[in-house]
Amino acid sequence: MNFSDVGGSAEVGNVNISVFLIPIVLFICVAMMVVAIVGIVHWSKARDKELQYHQDLRIREMEHQLKMKGLEVELEKAKQKSV
């Protein structure tokens, strides 16, 4: 890597990279990393809420089925008593 006193650039192979461009690219990369981390955390929390919702829905469904079976048993008992 050669630093030119006049141009203020670093030469890597055949590519000239401005010394002022490196902090900008670094800042953009750090910002993208922060956005990615926040996105992953938000997605994870949303997924946890969705799983909790489905679990609660399944519990309510099972309670409803149990209640319906109890009502069917009572209905059968009532039919047998009336016969």
C-alpha atoms as a PDB file:
ATOM      1  CA  MET A   1       0.000   0.000   0.000  1.00  0.00           C
ATOM      2  CA  ASN A   2       1.549   3.303  -1.108  1.00  0.00           C
ATOM      3  CA  PHE A   3       0.403   6.650   0.291  1.00  0.00           C
ATOM      4  CA  SER A   4       0.834   9.587  -2.044  1.00  0.00           C
ATOM      5  CA  ASP A   5       1.700  12.894  -0.358  1.00  0.00           C
ATOM      6  CA  VAL A   6      -0.048  14.965  -3.025  1.00  0.00           C
ATOM      7  CA  GLY A   7      -3.221  12.978  -3.765  1.00  0.00           C
ATOM      8  CA  GLY A   8      -4.084  11.622  -0.317  1.00  0.00           C
ATOM      9  CA  SER A   9      -5.011   8.221  -1.659  1.00  0.00           C
ATOM     10  CA  ALA A  10      -3.966   4.671  -0.995  1.00  0.00           C
ATOM     11  CA  GLU A  11      -3.132   2.458  -3.915  1.00  0.00           C
ATOM     12  CA  VAL A  12      -4.071  -1.195  -3.537  1.00  0.00           C
ATOM     13  CA  GLY A  13      -3.037  -3.114  -6.617  1.00  0.00           C
ATOM     14  CA  ASN A  14      -4.346  -1.069  -9.517  1.00  0.00           C
ATOM     15  CA  VAL A  15      -7.198   0.542  -7.534  1.00  0.00           C
ATOM     16  CA  ASN A  16      -6.895   4.019  -5.977  1.00  0.00           C
ATOM     17  CA  ILE A  17      -8.881   4.383  -2.750  1.00  0.00           C
ATOM     18  CA  SER A  18      -9.331   7.845  -1.344  1.00  0.00           C
ATOM     19  CA  VAL A  19      -8.345   8.134   2.313  1.00  0.00           C
ATOM     20  CA  PHE A  20     -11.524  10.147   2.897  1.00  0.00           C
ATOM     21  CA  LEU A  21     -13.669   7.393   1.390  1.00  0.00           C
ATOM     22  CA  ILE A  22     -12.605   4.781   3.961  1.00  0.00           C
ATOM     23  CA  PRO A  23     -14.353   6.426   6.987  1.00  0.00           C
ATOM     24  CA  ILE A  24     -17.517   6.960   4.947  1.00  0.00           C
ATOM     25  CA  VAL A  25     -17.616   3.311   3.889  1.00  0.00           C
ATOM     26  CA  LEU A  26     -16.852   2.261   7.459  1.00  0.00           C
ATOM     27  CA  PHE A  27     -19.695   4.439   8.784  1.00  0.00           C
ATOM     28  CA  ILE A  28     -22.116   2.985   6.230  1.00  0.00           C
ATOM     29  CA  CYS A  29     -21.084  -0.564   7.168  1.00  0.00           C
ATOM     30  CA  VAL A  30     -21.529   0.120  10.882  1.00  0.00           C
ATOM     31  CA  ALA A  31     -24.936   1.721  10.243  1.00  0.00           C
ATOM     32  CA  MET A  32     -26.022  -1.281   8.174  1.00  0.00           C
ATOM     33  CA  MET A  33     -24.869  -3.621  10.936  1.00  0.00           C
ATOM     34  CA  VAL A  34     -26.917  -1.693  13.520  1.00  0.00           C
ATOM     35  CA  VAL A  35     -29.969  -1.795  11.260  1.00  0.00           C
ATOM     36  CA  ALA A  36     -29.492  -5.539  10.756  1.00  0.00           C
ATOM     37  CA  ILE A  37     -29.181  -6.182  14.510  1.00  0.00           C
ATOM     38  CA  VAL A  38     -32.282  -4.103  15.286  1.00  0.00           C
ATOM     39  CA  GLY A  39     -34.170  -5.918  12.529  1.00  0.00           C
ATOM     40  CA  ILE A  40     -33.184  -9.335  13.853  1.00  0.00           C
ATOM     41  CA  VAL A  41     -34.195  -8.405  17.411  1.00  0.00           C
ATOM     42  CA  HIS A  42     -37.538  -7.010  16.193  1.00  0.00           C
ATOM     43  CA  TRP A  43     -38.183 -10.131  14.106  1.00  0.00           C
ATOM     44  CA  SER A  44     -37.334 -12.341  17.077  1.00  0.00           C
ATOM     45  CA  LYS A  45     -39.735 -10.486  19.387  1.00  0.00           C
ATOM     46  CA  ALA A  46     -42.484 -10.604  16.761  1.00  0.00           C
ATOM     47  CA  ARG A  47     -41.928 -14.339  16.328  1.00  0.00           C
ATOM     48  CA  ASP A  48     -42.124 -14.885  20.099  1.00  0.00           C
ATOM     49  CA  LYS A  49     -45.423 -12.971  20.217  1.00  0.00           C
ATOM     50  CA  GLU A  50     -46.773 -15.011  17.312  1.00  0.00           C
ATOM     51  CA  LEU A  51     -45.817 -18.302  18.998  1.00  0.00           C
ATOM     52  CA  GLN A  52     -47.407 -17.140  22.278  1.00  0.00           C
ATOM     53  CA  TYR A  53     -50.593 -16.185  20.409  1.00  0.00           C
ATOM     54  CA  HIS A  54     -50.775 -19.605  18.731  1.00  0.00           C
ATOM     55  CA  GLN A  55     -50.170 -21.358  22.054  1.00  0.00           C
ATOM     56  CA  ASP A  56     -52.957 -19.358  23.733  1.00  0.00           C
ATOM     57  CA  LEU A  57     -55.266 -20.076  20.802  1.00  0.00           C
ATOM     58  CA  ARG A  58     -54.540 -23.802  21.051  1.00  0.00           C
ATOM     59  CA  ILE A  59     -55.227 -23.772  24.813  1.00  0.00           C
ATOM     60  CA  ARG A  60     -58.575 -22.031  24.238  1.00  0.00           C
ATOM     61  CA  GLU A  61     -59.436 -24.535  21.515  1.00  0.00           C
ATOM     62  CA  MET A  62     -58.692 -27.469  23.829  1.00  0.00           C
ATOM     63  CA  GLU A  63     -60.782 -25.906  26.626  1.00  0.00           C
ATOM     64  CA  HIS A  64     -63.631 -25.400  24.167  1.00  0.00           C
ATOM     65  CA  GLN A  65     -63.445 -29.035  23.014  1.00  0.00           C
ATOM     66  CA  LEU A  66     -63.488 -30.206  26.629  1.00  0.00           C
ATOM     67  CA  LYS A  67     -66.526 -28.037  27.351  1.00  0.00           C
ATOM     68  CA  MET A  68     -68.329 -29.352  24.257  1.00  0.00           C
ATOM     69  CA  LYS A  69     -67.642 -32.974  25.285  1.00  0.00           C
ATOM     70  CA  GLY A  70     -69.046 -32.207  28.742  1.00  0.00           C
ATOM     71  CA  LEU A  71     -72.174 -30.733  27.170  1.00  0.00           C
ATOM     72  CA  GLU A  72     -72.552 -33.792  24.912  1.00  0.00           C
ATOM     73  CA  VAL A  73     -72.333 -36.075  27.964  1.00  0.00           C
ATOM     74  CA  GLU A  74     -75.007 -34.009  29.741  1.00  0.00           C
ATOM     75  CA  LEU A  75     -77.194 -34.104  26.634  1.00  0.00           C
ATOM     76  CA  GLU A  76     -76.900 -37.906  26.434  1.00  0.00           C
ATOM     77  CA  LYS A  77     -77.788 -38.204  30.141  1.00  0.00           C
ATOM     78  CA  ALA A  78     -80.825 -35.953  29.619  1.00  0.00           C
ATOM     79  CA  LYS A  79     -81.955 -38.043  26.641  1.00  0.00           C
ATOM     80  CA  GLN A  80     -81.610 -41.275  28.629  1.00  0.00           C
ATOM     81  CA  LYS A  81     -83.608 -39.840  31.551  1.00  0.00           C
ATOM     82  CA  SER A  82     -86.404 -38.652  29.262  1.00  0.00           C
ATOM     83  CA  VAL A  83     -86.722 -42.055  27.540  1.00  0.00           C
END
